[in-house]
N, C-alpha and C. Protein backbone atom coordinates (compact mmCIF):
# COMPACT_ATOMS: atom_id res chain seq x y z
N MET A 1 -36.35 39.02 -34.82
CA MET A 1 -35.45 37.59 -35.69
C MET A 1 -35.71 36.69 -36.11
N HIS A 2 -36.16 36.11 -37.18
CA HIS A 2 -36.48 35.36 -37.69
C HIS A 2 -35.63 33.88 -37.66
N PRO A 3 -35.99 32.86 -37.50
CA PRO A 3 -34.59 31.64 -37.27
C PRO A 3 -34.20 31.70 -38.93
N PRO A 4 -33.27 30.99 -38.76
CA PRO A 4 -32.28 30.87 -40.07
C PRO A 4 -32.62 29.71 -40.85
N LEU A 5 -32.65 29.64 -42.34
CA LEU A 5 -33.64 28.75 -42.70
C LEU A 5 -32.47 27.53 -42.59
N LEU A 6 -31.22 27.58 -42.50
CA LEU A 6 -30.00 26.64 -42.22
C LEU A 6 -29.24 26.64 -41.37
N SER A 7 -29.05 25.23 -40.83
CA SER A 7 -28.21 25.56 -39.96
C SER A 7 -27.06 24.11 -40.28
N ILE A 8 -25.89 24.94 -39.60
CA ILE A 8 -24.78 24.21 -40.34
C ILE A 8 -23.73 24.04 -39.50
N ILE A 9 -23.73 22.14 -39.11
CA ILE A 9 -23.20 21.76 -38.13
C ILE A 9 -21.44 21.65 -38.53
N ILE A 10 -20.89 21.91 -37.70
CA ILE A 10 -19.42 21.07 -37.84
C ILE A 10 -18.78 20.77 -36.80
N PRO A 11 -18.36 19.78 -36.64
CA PRO A 11 -18.07 18.40 -35.34
C PRO A 11 -16.82 19.22 -35.43
N THR A 12 -15.92 19.19 -34.60
CA THR A 12 -14.25 19.21 -34.13
C THR A 12 -13.90 18.65 -32.70
N TYR A 13 -12.43 18.44 -33.33
CA TYR A 13 -11.58 17.92 -32.61
C TYR A 13 -10.33 18.15 -33.30
N ASN A 14 -9.55 18.59 -32.37
CA ASN A 14 -8.10 19.36 -32.61
C ASN A 14 -7.96 19.56 -34.10
N SER A 15 -9.00 20.85 -34.46
CA SER A 15 -9.11 20.93 -36.03
C SER A 15 -8.69 22.11 -36.52
N GLU A 16 -7.74 23.14 -35.57
CA GLU A 16 -7.16 24.25 -35.58
C GLU A 16 -6.65 24.17 -37.02
N LYS A 17 -5.40 23.05 -37.78
CA LYS A 17 -4.74 23.24 -38.97
C LYS A 17 -5.50 23.40 -40.12
N HIS A 18 -7.51 23.01 -39.97
CA HIS A 18 -7.81 23.26 -41.54
C HIS A 18 -9.00 24.01 -40.78
N LEU A 19 -9.48 24.14 -39.95
CA LEU A 19 -10.61 24.83 -39.27
C LEU A 19 -11.18 26.31 -40.07
N ARG A 20 -10.22 27.01 -40.05
CA ARG A 20 -9.97 28.62 -40.64
C ARG A 20 -10.64 28.44 -42.34
N THR A 21 -10.32 27.66 -42.99
CA THR A 21 -10.31 26.99 -44.62
C THR A 21 -12.19 26.57 -44.69
N CYS A 22 -12.19 25.77 -43.84
CA CYS A 22 -13.58 25.76 -43.61
C CYS A 22 -14.70 26.64 -43.11
N LEU A 23 -14.50 27.11 -42.54
CA LEU A 23 -15.27 28.47 -42.24
C LEU A 23 -15.39 29.80 -43.23
N ASP A 24 -14.39 29.84 -43.58
CA ASP A 24 -14.14 31.08 -44.56
C ASP A 24 -14.82 30.65 -45.93
N SER A 25 -14.93 29.10 -46.41
CA SER A 25 -15.56 29.05 -47.36
C SER A 25 -17.27 29.11 -47.14
N ILE A 26 -17.53 29.34 -45.55
CA ILE A 26 -19.06 29.30 -45.26
C ILE A 26 -19.22 30.97 -45.30
N PHE A 27 -18.60 31.26 -44.91
CA PHE A 27 -18.73 33.12 -44.48
C PHE A 27 -18.20 33.51 -46.14
N SER A 28 -17.48 32.84 -47.52
CA SER A 28 -17.73 33.54 -48.22
C SER A 28 -19.22 33.54 -48.94
N GLN A 29 -19.91 32.68 -48.67
CA GLN A 29 -21.07 32.08 -49.37
C GLN A 29 -22.42 33.67 -50.00
N SER A 30 -22.79 33.67 -50.97
CA SER A 30 -23.47 34.29 -51.29
C SER A 30 -25.23 34.31 -50.31
N PHE A 31 -25.32 32.91 -50.32
CA PHE A 31 -26.34 32.93 -49.35
C PHE A 31 -26.24 33.09 -47.72
N LYS A 32 -26.94 33.89 -47.45
CA LYS A 32 -26.55 34.03 -46.11
C LYS A 32 -28.15 33.94 -44.54
N ASP A 33 -28.57 33.21 -45.05
CA ASP A 33 -29.48 32.66 -44.11
C ASP A 33 -29.65 31.14 -43.55
N TYR A 34 -28.22 31.67 -42.61
CA TYR A 34 -27.71 30.55 -41.76
C TYR A 34 -26.95 30.71 -40.38
N GLU A 35 -27.09 29.80 -39.64
CA GLU A 35 -26.10 29.78 -38.51
C GLU A 35 -25.11 28.51 -38.66
N ILE A 36 -24.26 28.60 -37.80
CA ILE A 36 -23.54 27.80 -37.48
C ILE A 36 -22.96 27.35 -36.27
N ILE A 37 -23.04 26.03 -36.32
CA ILE A 37 -23.00 25.93 -34.88
C ILE A 37 -22.09 24.60 -34.64
N SER A 38 -20.56 25.22 -34.08
CA SER A 38 -19.31 24.18 -33.90
C SER A 38 -19.54 23.30 -32.61
N VAL A 39 -19.48 22.05 -32.44
CA VAL A 39 -19.53 20.98 -31.66
C VAL A 39 -17.96 20.37 -31.51
N ASP A 40 -17.34 21.05 -30.83
CA ASP A 40 -15.58 20.88 -30.36
C ASP A 40 -15.92 19.76 -29.34
N GLY A 41 -15.07 18.62 -29.54
CA GLY A 41 -15.48 17.61 -28.36
C GLY A 41 -13.86 17.92 -27.25
N ALA A 42 -13.70 19.52 -26.79
CA ALA A 42 -12.78 19.32 -26.04
C ALA A 42 -11.02 19.49 -26.21
N SER A 43 -10.79 20.26 -27.30
CA SER A 43 -9.72 19.67 -27.94
C SER A 43 -8.40 20.37 -27.33
N GLY A 44 -7.69 19.84 -27.41
CA GLY A 44 -6.07 20.50 -27.05
C GLY A 44 -5.60 21.36 -28.29
N ASP A 45 -5.72 22.06 -29.00
CA ASP A 45 -4.70 22.59 -29.37
C ASP A 45 -5.57 24.00 -29.77
N GLY A 46 -5.05 24.51 -30.79
CA GLY A 46 -6.06 26.20 -30.83
C GLY A 46 -7.53 26.07 -31.56
N THR A 47 -8.16 25.15 -31.36
CA THR A 47 -9.23 25.23 -32.10
C THR A 47 -10.44 25.54 -31.24
N SER A 48 -10.64 25.84 -29.75
CA SER A 48 -11.70 26.65 -29.41
C SER A 48 -10.97 28.39 -29.08
N GLU A 49 -9.94 28.44 -29.48
CA GLU A 49 -9.58 29.84 -29.56
C GLU A 49 -9.97 30.24 -30.82
N LEU A 50 -9.89 29.80 -32.14
CA LEU A 50 -10.23 30.34 -33.51
C LEU A 50 -11.64 30.02 -33.37
N VAL A 51 -12.52 29.43 -32.59
CA VAL A 51 -13.77 29.01 -32.85
C VAL A 51 -14.35 30.56 -32.47
N LYS A 52 -13.84 30.94 -31.25
CA LYS A 52 -14.06 32.01 -30.48
C LYS A 52 -13.66 33.54 -31.47
N GLN A 53 -12.86 33.40 -31.75
CA GLN A 53 -12.26 34.30 -32.75
C GLN A 53 -13.66 34.65 -34.07
N TYR A 54 -13.50 33.47 -34.57
CA TYR A 54 -14.86 33.81 -35.44
C TYR A 54 -16.45 33.77 -34.52
N SER A 55 -17.16 33.03 -33.56
CA SER A 55 -17.86 33.84 -33.22
C SER A 55 -17.92 35.54 -32.99
N ALA A 56 -16.71 36.08 -32.34
CA ALA A 56 -16.84 37.28 -32.02
C ALA A 56 -17.20 38.10 -33.34
N LEU A 57 -16.88 38.06 -34.26
CA LEU A 57 -17.14 38.46 -35.69
C LEU A 57 -18.04 38.28 -36.27
N HIS A 58 -18.84 37.24 -36.13
CA HIS A 58 -20.16 36.80 -37.05
C HIS A 58 -21.19 35.94 -35.70
N PRO A 59 -22.16 36.96 -35.54
CA PRO A 59 -22.84 36.91 -34.56
C PRO A 59 -23.89 35.54 -34.83
N ASN A 60 -23.82 35.02 -36.12
CA ASN A 60 -24.35 33.84 -36.62
C ASN A 60 -24.17 32.50 -36.44
N MET A 61 -22.76 32.38 -35.29
CA MET A 61 -22.32 31.26 -35.30
C MET A 61 -22.39 31.12 -33.62
N ARG A 62 -22.16 30.05 -33.13
CA ARG A 62 -22.25 29.17 -31.57
C ARG A 62 -21.45 28.15 -31.74
N TYR A 63 -20.86 27.67 -30.19
CA TYR A 63 -20.04 26.71 -30.47
C TYR A 63 -20.07 25.93 -28.94
N ILE A 64 -20.19 24.76 -29.04
CA ILE A 64 -20.05 24.39 -27.73
C ILE A 64 -18.73 23.42 -27.65
N SER A 65 -17.95 23.40 -26.43
CA SER A 65 -16.90 22.35 -26.56
C SER A 65 -17.19 21.75 -24.94
N GLU A 66 -17.08 20.40 -25.07
CA GLU A 66 -17.16 19.64 -24.27
C GLU A 66 -16.85 17.88 -24.46
N LYS A 67 -16.50 17.15 -23.41
CA LYS A 67 -16.13 15.48 -24.06
C LYS A 67 -17.26 15.18 -24.51
N GLU A 68 -16.58 14.43 -25.53
CA GLU A 68 -18.11 13.73 -26.28
C GLU A 68 -17.82 12.30 -27.10
N ASN A 69 -18.66 11.36 -27.76
CA ASN A 69 -18.26 10.33 -27.58
C ASN A 69 -18.21 10.15 -29.19
N GLY A 70 -17.22 10.56 -29.69
CA GLY A 70 -16.86 11.01 -31.46
C GLY A 70 -17.84 11.15 -32.22
N VAL A 71 -17.84 11.74 -33.38
CA VAL A 71 -18.01 12.56 -34.34
C VAL A 71 -19.59 12.48 -34.80
N TYR A 72 -20.18 11.56 -33.70
CA TYR A 72 -21.49 11.04 -34.35
C TYR A 72 -22.30 11.41 -32.93
N ASP A 73 -21.59 11.79 -32.42
CA ASP A 73 -22.31 11.85 -31.14
C ASP A 73 -22.40 13.26 -30.97
N ALA A 74 -21.25 14.56 -31.39
CA ALA A 74 -20.92 15.70 -31.95
C ALA A 74 -22.27 15.97 -32.97
N MET A 75 -22.51 15.27 -33.61
CA MET A 75 -23.78 15.41 -34.75
C MET A 75 -24.65 15.28 -34.17
N ASN A 76 -24.95 14.89 -33.51
CA ASN A 76 -26.31 14.57 -32.38
C ASN A 76 -26.56 15.94 -31.58
N LYS A 77 -25.51 15.58 -30.58
CA LYS A 77 -25.39 17.54 -30.11
C LYS A 77 -25.95 18.72 -30.88
N GLY A 78 -25.43 18.45 -32.32
CA GLY A 78 -25.45 19.69 -33.10
C GLY A 78 -26.83 20.19 -33.31
N ILE A 79 -27.53 19.00 -33.37
CA ILE A 79 -29.02 19.06 -33.79
C ILE A 79 -29.80 19.15 -32.88
N GLY A 80 -29.43 19.20 -31.97
CA GLY A 80 -30.22 19.38 -30.08
C GLY A 80 -30.30 20.87 -30.10
N LEU A 81 -29.61 21.66 -30.95
CA LEU A 81 -29.33 23.37 -31.07
C LEU A 81 -29.36 23.54 -32.03
N VAL A 82 -29.61 23.09 -33.24
CA VAL A 82 -30.08 24.13 -34.19
C VAL A 82 -31.56 25.02 -34.28
N LYS A 83 -31.63 26.09 -34.58
CA LYS A 83 -32.65 26.85 -35.09
C LYS A 83 -33.47 26.60 -36.16
N GLY A 84 -32.32 26.75 -37.47
CA GLY A 84 -32.99 26.41 -38.50
C GLY A 84 -33.65 25.01 -39.19
N GLU A 85 -34.36 25.34 -40.04
CA GLU A 85 -35.14 24.46 -40.81
C GLU A 85 -34.40 23.31 -41.78
N TRP A 86 -33.49 23.54 -41.83
CA TRP A 86 -32.58 22.65 -42.58
C TRP A 86 -31.30 22.09 -41.84
N ILE A 87 -30.74 21.34 -41.83
CA ILE A 87 -29.61 20.99 -41.41
C ILE A 87 -28.08 20.28 -42.72
N TYR A 88 -27.37 21.05 -42.06
CA TYR A 88 -26.02 20.80 -43.04
C TYR A 88 -25.05 19.98 -42.43
N PHE A 89 -24.11 18.91 -41.98
CA PHE A 89 -23.14 18.92 -41.67
C PHE A 89 -21.81 18.98 -42.33
N ILE A 90 -21.04 19.55 -42.37
CA ILE A 90 -19.33 19.84 -43.32
C ILE A 90 -18.33 19.37 -42.22
N GLY A 91 -17.50 18.64 -42.40
CA GLY A 91 -16.20 18.23 -41.57
C GLY A 91 -15.12 19.63 -41.52
N SER A 92 -14.69 19.82 -40.51
CA SER A 92 -13.58 20.93 -40.22
C SER A 92 -12.63 20.42 -41.50
N ASP A 93 -12.38 19.70 -42.09
CA ASP A 93 -11.47 19.91 -42.85
C ASP A 93 -11.73 19.61 -44.12
N ASP A 94 -12.96 20.11 -44.22
CA ASP A 94 -13.65 20.21 -45.89
C ASP A 94 -14.10 21.53 -45.68
N LYS A 95 -14.88 22.33 -47.34
CA LYS A 95 -14.95 23.25 -47.52
C LYS A 95 -15.64 23.20 -48.45
N LEU A 96 -16.73 23.83 -48.71
CA LEU A 96 -17.44 24.63 -49.90
C LEU A 96 -17.07 24.50 -51.53
N TYR A 97 -17.84 23.98 -52.01
CA TYR A 97 -17.00 23.55 -53.53
C TYR A 97 -16.65 25.34 -53.65
N ASP A 98 -18.11 26.22 -54.19
CA ASP A 98 -17.71 27.53 -54.44
C ASP A 98 -18.37 28.51 -53.54
N ASP A 99 -18.28 29.85 -53.98
CA ASP A 99 -19.39 30.44 -53.16
C ASP A 99 -20.87 30.09 -53.33
N THR A 100 -21.40 29.59 -54.69
CA THR A 100 -22.76 29.84 -54.64
C THR A 100 -23.59 28.56 -54.16
N VAL A 101 -22.87 27.43 -53.63
CA VAL A 101 -23.54 26.30 -52.98
C VAL A 101 -24.84 26.43 -52.44
N LEU A 102 -24.57 27.43 -51.10
CA LEU A 102 -25.96 27.17 -50.65
C LEU A 102 -27.05 28.03 -51.02
N GLU A 103 -26.58 29.00 -51.97
CA GLU A 103 -27.76 29.56 -52.54
C GLU A 103 -28.29 28.77 -54.19
N SER A 104 -27.35 27.80 -54.50
CA SER A 104 -28.25 27.02 -55.45
C SER A 104 -29.23 25.94 -54.97
N ILE A 105 -28.83 25.54 -53.63
CA ILE A 105 -29.65 24.68 -53.02
C ILE A 105 -30.88 25.45 -52.50
N PHE A 106 -31.03 26.54 -52.19
CA PHE A 106 -31.77 27.12 -50.89
C PHE A 106 -32.60 28.65 -51.55
N SER A 107 -32.01 29.25 -52.90
CA SER A 107 -32.89 29.91 -53.45
C SER A 107 -34.00 29.70 -54.02
N GLY A 108 -35.31 28.95 -53.98
CA GLY A 108 -36.35 28.61 -54.48
C GLY A 108 -36.96 28.91 -53.40
N SER A 109 -38.40 29.69 -53.61
CA SER A 109 -39.17 29.99 -52.26
C SER A 109 -40.11 28.50 -51.44
N ASP A 110 -40.08 27.62 -52.48
CA ASP A 110 -40.57 26.50 -51.87
C ASP A 110 -39.74 25.09 -52.39
N ILE A 111 -38.65 24.82 -51.00
CA ILE A 111 -37.97 23.29 -51.24
C ILE A 111 -39.50 22.13 -51.19
N GLY A 112 -39.72 21.59 -51.68
CA GLY A 112 -41.09 20.49 -51.19
C GLY A 112 -39.78 19.16 -51.13
N TYR A 113 -39.11 19.30 -50.61
CA TYR A 113 -38.48 17.84 -50.76
C TYR A 113 -37.80 17.99 -48.97
N ASP A 114 -37.64 16.36 -48.84
CA ASP A 114 -37.04 16.28 -46.74
C ASP A 114 -35.40 16.06 -46.95
N VAL A 115 -35.20 15.40 -48.06
CA VAL A 115 -33.43 15.69 -48.31
C VAL A 115 -33.32 15.88 -49.19
N ILE A 116 -32.22 16.85 -49.59
CA ILE A 116 -31.58 17.15 -50.77
C ILE A 116 -29.65 16.65 -50.70
N TYR A 117 -29.21 16.25 -52.04
CA TYR A 117 -28.25 15.33 -52.00
C TYR A 117 -27.71 15.51 -53.26
N GLY A 118 -26.07 15.53 -53.24
CA GLY A 118 -25.56 15.83 -54.43
C GLY A 118 -24.07 15.07 -54.73
N ASN A 119 -22.97 15.53 -54.81
CA ASN A 119 -21.71 15.23 -55.06
C ASN A 119 -20.72 15.83 -54.48
N VAL A 120 -19.43 15.40 -54.18
CA VAL A 120 -18.59 16.10 -53.74
C VAL A 120 -17.73 15.56 -54.68
N ASP A 121 -16.58 16.79 -54.24
CA ASP A 121 -15.47 16.50 -55.11
C ASP A 121 -14.07 16.44 -53.98
N SER A 122 -14.06 15.08 -54.25
CA SER A 122 -12.58 14.80 -53.36
C SER A 122 -11.35 13.90 -54.01
N LYS A 123 -10.63 14.65 -53.45
CA LYS A 123 -9.09 13.63 -53.64
C LYS A 123 -8.61 12.41 -53.54
N MET A 124 -9.48 12.34 -52.12
CA MET A 124 -9.11 10.72 -51.62
C MET A 124 -10.60 9.75 -52.24
N LEU A 125 -11.50 10.72 -52.84
CA LEU A 125 -12.83 9.44 -53.46
C LEU A 125 -12.08 9.65 -54.91
N GLY A 126 -11.03 9.93 -55.79
CA GLY A 126 -11.09 10.14 -56.54
C GLY A 126 -11.94 11.06 -58.08
N GLY A 127 -11.94 11.94 -57.15
CA GLY A 127 -12.74 13.47 -57.66
C GLY A 127 -14.20 13.50 -57.50
N ILE A 128 -14.99 13.79 -58.58
CA ILE A 128 -16.76 13.64 -58.07
C ILE A 128 -16.98 12.52 -57.77
N TYR A 129 -17.62 12.62 -56.92
CA TYR A 129 -18.41 11.19 -55.97
C TYR A 129 -19.38 11.65 -55.32
N ASP A 130 -20.65 10.85 -56.03
CA ASP A 130 -20.58 9.74 -56.57
C ASP A 130 -21.99 9.68 -57.43
N GLY A 131 -23.08 10.96 -57.34
CA GLY A 131 -23.93 10.29 -58.38
C GLY A 131 -25.23 10.68 -57.47
N GLU A 132 -26.23 9.46 -58.47
CA GLU A 132 -27.84 9.46 -57.89
C GLU A 132 -27.12 8.13 -57.14
N PHE A 133 -28.15 8.12 -56.20
CA PHE A 133 -28.67 6.69 -55.22
C PHE A 133 -29.74 5.91 -55.30
N ASP A 134 -29.52 4.76 -55.48
CA ASP A 134 -30.91 3.85 -55.13
C ASP A 134 -30.77 2.92 -54.14
N VAL A 135 -31.59 2.06 -53.94
CA VAL A 135 -31.61 1.15 -52.17
C VAL A 135 -29.85 0.42 -52.64
N GLU A 136 -30.08 -0.04 -54.24
CA GLU A 136 -28.88 -0.74 -54.41
C GLU A 136 -27.33 -0.31 -54.51
N LYS A 137 -27.68 1.13 -54.96
CA LYS A 137 -26.16 1.43 -54.89
C LYS A 137 -25.78 1.59 -53.19
N ILE A 138 -26.79 2.08 -52.69
CA ILE A 138 -26.61 2.64 -51.12
C ILE A 138 -25.86 0.97 -50.29
N PHE A 139 -26.39 -0.09 -50.82
CA PHE A 139 -25.73 -1.09 -50.32
C PHE A 139 -24.05 -1.32 -50.32
N SER A 140 -23.38 -0.92 -51.72
CA SER A 140 -22.62 -0.92 -51.58
C SER A 140 -21.53 -0.25 -51.72
N ARG A 141 -22.02 1.69 -51.66
CA ARG A 141 -21.33 2.41 -51.48
C ARG A 141 -22.33 3.51 -50.56
N ASN A 142 -21.70 4.99 -49.73
CA ASN A 142 -22.25 5.49 -49.15
C ASN A 142 -22.23 6.64 -49.16
N ILE A 143 -22.72 7.73 -49.54
CA ILE A 143 -23.02 8.98 -49.90
C ILE A 143 -22.66 10.01 -48.48
N CYS A 144 -21.89 10.69 -48.90
CA CYS A 144 -20.99 11.66 -48.24
C CYS A 144 -22.04 12.59 -47.54
N HIS A 145 -21.38 12.41 -46.16
CA HIS A 145 -22.98 13.21 -45.54
C HIS A 145 -22.42 14.88 -45.60
N GLN A 146 -21.48 15.18 -46.23
CA GLN A 146 -20.89 16.90 -46.64
C GLN A 146 -21.60 16.76 -47.72
N ALA A 147 -22.53 16.08 -48.33
CA ALA A 147 -23.06 15.80 -49.75
C ALA A 147 -25.09 16.19 -49.44
N ILE A 148 -25.17 16.05 -48.72
CA ILE A 148 -26.47 16.05 -48.07
C ILE A 148 -27.33 17.09 -46.88
N PHE A 149 -28.21 17.51 -47.40
CA PHE A 149 -28.97 18.57 -46.59
C PHE A 149 -30.01 17.77 -46.32
N PHE A 150 -30.24 18.05 -44.93
CA PHE A 150 -31.66 17.12 -44.34
C PHE A 150 -32.57 18.48 -43.67
N ARG A 151 -33.62 18.06 -43.72
CA ARG A 151 -34.89 18.82 -43.67
C ARG A 151 -34.96 18.23 -42.27
N LYS A 152 -35.09 19.39 -40.71
CA LYS A 152 -34.86 18.86 -39.32
C LYS A 152 -35.89 17.94 -39.18
N SER A 153 -37.23 17.83 -39.35
CA SER A 153 -37.97 16.62 -39.14
C SER A 153 -37.36 15.52 -39.62
N ILE A 154 -36.17 15.23 -40.87
CA ILE A 154 -35.98 13.83 -40.96
C ILE A 154 -35.46 13.54 -39.70
N PHE A 155 -35.23 14.19 -38.70
CA PHE A 155 -34.37 13.64 -37.66
C PHE A 155 -35.55 13.18 -36.16
N ASN A 156 -36.18 13.36 -36.69
CA ASN A 156 -38.03 13.24 -35.77
C ASN A 156 -38.01 12.00 -36.15
N ARG A 157 -38.60 11.39 -37.53
CA ARG A 157 -38.74 10.58 -38.09
C ARG A 157 -37.81 9.15 -38.34
N ILE A 158 -37.04 9.46 -38.00
CA ILE A 158 -35.96 8.69 -38.20
C ILE A 158 -35.27 8.20 -37.09
N GLY A 159 -35.05 9.18 -36.92
CA GLY A 159 -34.06 8.97 -35.15
C GLY A 159 -32.74 9.79 -35.27
N LEU A 160 -31.59 9.87 -34.72
CA LEU A 160 -30.37 10.43 -34.82
C LEU A 160 -29.87 9.72 -35.05
N PHE A 161 -28.20 10.19 -35.70
CA PHE A 161 -27.07 9.23 -35.60
C PHE A 161 -26.79 8.14 -34.33
N ASP A 162 -26.46 6.86 -34.84
CA ASP A 162 -27.01 5.29 -33.98
C ASP A 162 -24.94 5.49 -33.02
N THR A 163 -25.05 6.26 -31.99
CA THR A 163 -23.26 6.34 -31.66
C THR A 163 -22.48 5.33 -31.28
N ARG A 164 -23.74 4.04 -31.43
CA ARG A 164 -22.83 2.64 -31.13
C ARG A 164 -22.11 2.59 -32.45
N PHE A 165 -22.25 2.95 -33.91
CA PHE A 165 -21.36 2.91 -34.58
C PHE A 165 -20.59 3.91 -34.32
N LYS A 166 -18.88 3.63 -34.57
CA LYS A 166 -17.67 4.81 -34.26
C LYS A 166 -17.34 5.10 -35.82
N ALA A 167 -18.04 4.07 -36.66
CA ALA A 167 -17.83 4.51 -38.20
C ALA A 167 -18.94 4.22 -38.86
N HIS A 168 -19.40 4.75 -39.73
CA HIS A 168 -20.43 4.63 -40.60
C HIS A 168 -21.75 4.39 -39.91
N ALA A 169 -21.78 5.18 -38.73
CA ALA A 169 -23.29 5.94 -38.52
C ALA A 169 -24.41 6.72 -39.72
N ASP A 170 -23.38 7.03 -40.10
CA ASP A 170 -24.30 8.16 -41.15
C ASP A 170 -24.45 7.53 -42.40
N TRP A 171 -24.09 6.41 -42.92
CA TRP A 171 -24.25 5.11 -44.03
C TRP A 171 -25.27 4.72 -42.97
N HIS A 172 -25.38 4.26 -42.35
CA HIS A 172 -26.87 3.27 -41.66
C HIS A 172 -27.65 4.53 -41.50
N HIS A 173 -27.87 5.85 -41.40
CA HIS A 173 -28.68 7.09 -41.44
C HIS A 173 -28.89 6.66 -42.62
N ASN A 174 -28.13 7.12 -43.21
CA ASN A 174 -28.57 7.69 -45.38
C ASN A 174 -29.44 6.00 -45.41
N LEU A 175 -28.95 4.47 -45.24
CA LEU A 175 -29.80 3.56 -45.58
C LEU A 175 -31.13 3.47 -45.33
N LYS A 176 -31.58 4.14 -43.83
CA LYS A 176 -33.08 4.26 -43.35
C LYS A 176 -33.75 5.21 -44.25
N TRP A 177 -33.45 6.73 -44.16
CA TRP A 177 -34.37 7.81 -45.12
C TRP A 177 -34.17 7.30 -46.26
N LEU A 178 -32.75 7.02 -47.20
CA LEU A 178 -32.90 6.52 -48.63
C LEU A 178 -34.14 5.10 -49.27
N ARG A 179 -34.42 4.29 -48.36
CA ARG A 179 -35.23 3.24 -48.10
C ARG A 179 -36.81 3.59 -48.16
N ASP A 180 -36.63 5.03 -47.05
CA ASP A 180 -38.05 4.88 -46.54
C ASP A 180 -39.07 5.71 -47.90
N GLY A 181 -39.89 4.98 -48.47
CA GLY A 181 -40.52 5.72 -49.60
C GLY A 181 -41.56 7.04 -49.12
N ARG A 182 -41.80 7.30 -47.59
CA ARG A 182 -42.42 8.71 -47.70
C ARG A 182 -41.69 9.99 -47.72
N ILE A 183 -39.91 9.80 -47.29
CA ILE A 183 -38.75 10.50 -47.65
C ILE A 183 -39.15 11.12 -48.85
N ARG A 184 -39.24 12.43 -49.35
CA ARG A 184 -38.92 13.07 -50.41
C ARG A 184 -37.41 13.66 -50.49
N LYS A 185 -37.26 12.88 -51.36
CA LYS A 185 -35.76 13.45 -52.00
C LYS A 185 -35.70 13.69 -53.22
N LEU A 186 -34.63 14.99 -53.12
CA LEU A 186 -33.85 14.98 -54.74
C LEU A 186 -32.36 15.30 -54.53
N TYR A 187 -32.08 14.44 -55.91
CA TYR A 187 -30.94 14.40 -55.99
C TYR A 187 -30.34 15.62 -57.15
């Protein structure tokens, strides 16, 4: 068995209410060369039981549940567990836009980029957000982490998410890779 091309990391904490929608949007994808890693912060609701049910049905899903230091710590723990060449983070209350999202990104045989990003469709952000970014734009607005696919090597090159930030560690991380001229990016 070869390692999956894509590792999808889902940080969870008391996510039972929305997690099923998130997981169903992943498992309905036409592209199937992925693993899912749920990193739970020792939830007190039915999150762990729901993840166990899905893991029993889907051998490409793994999970850990332990106390952590916030969402970025969970994301970093997930990075340490991945087997795929590419990493994608999705919130437990998010879902993929349609059943072909992953296929549209990974259907090519040679992906010559380190980071691929696009838009999200978010009611909270007023619809489609937010187009192509450059250095000037990233200083005033962030790219949603749900819109970014990272080659695993990016985290070796520029580091993990800085857990000193309780919020916006993803923005800090995005600033680093977007400004690095050696990192091949595709919008």
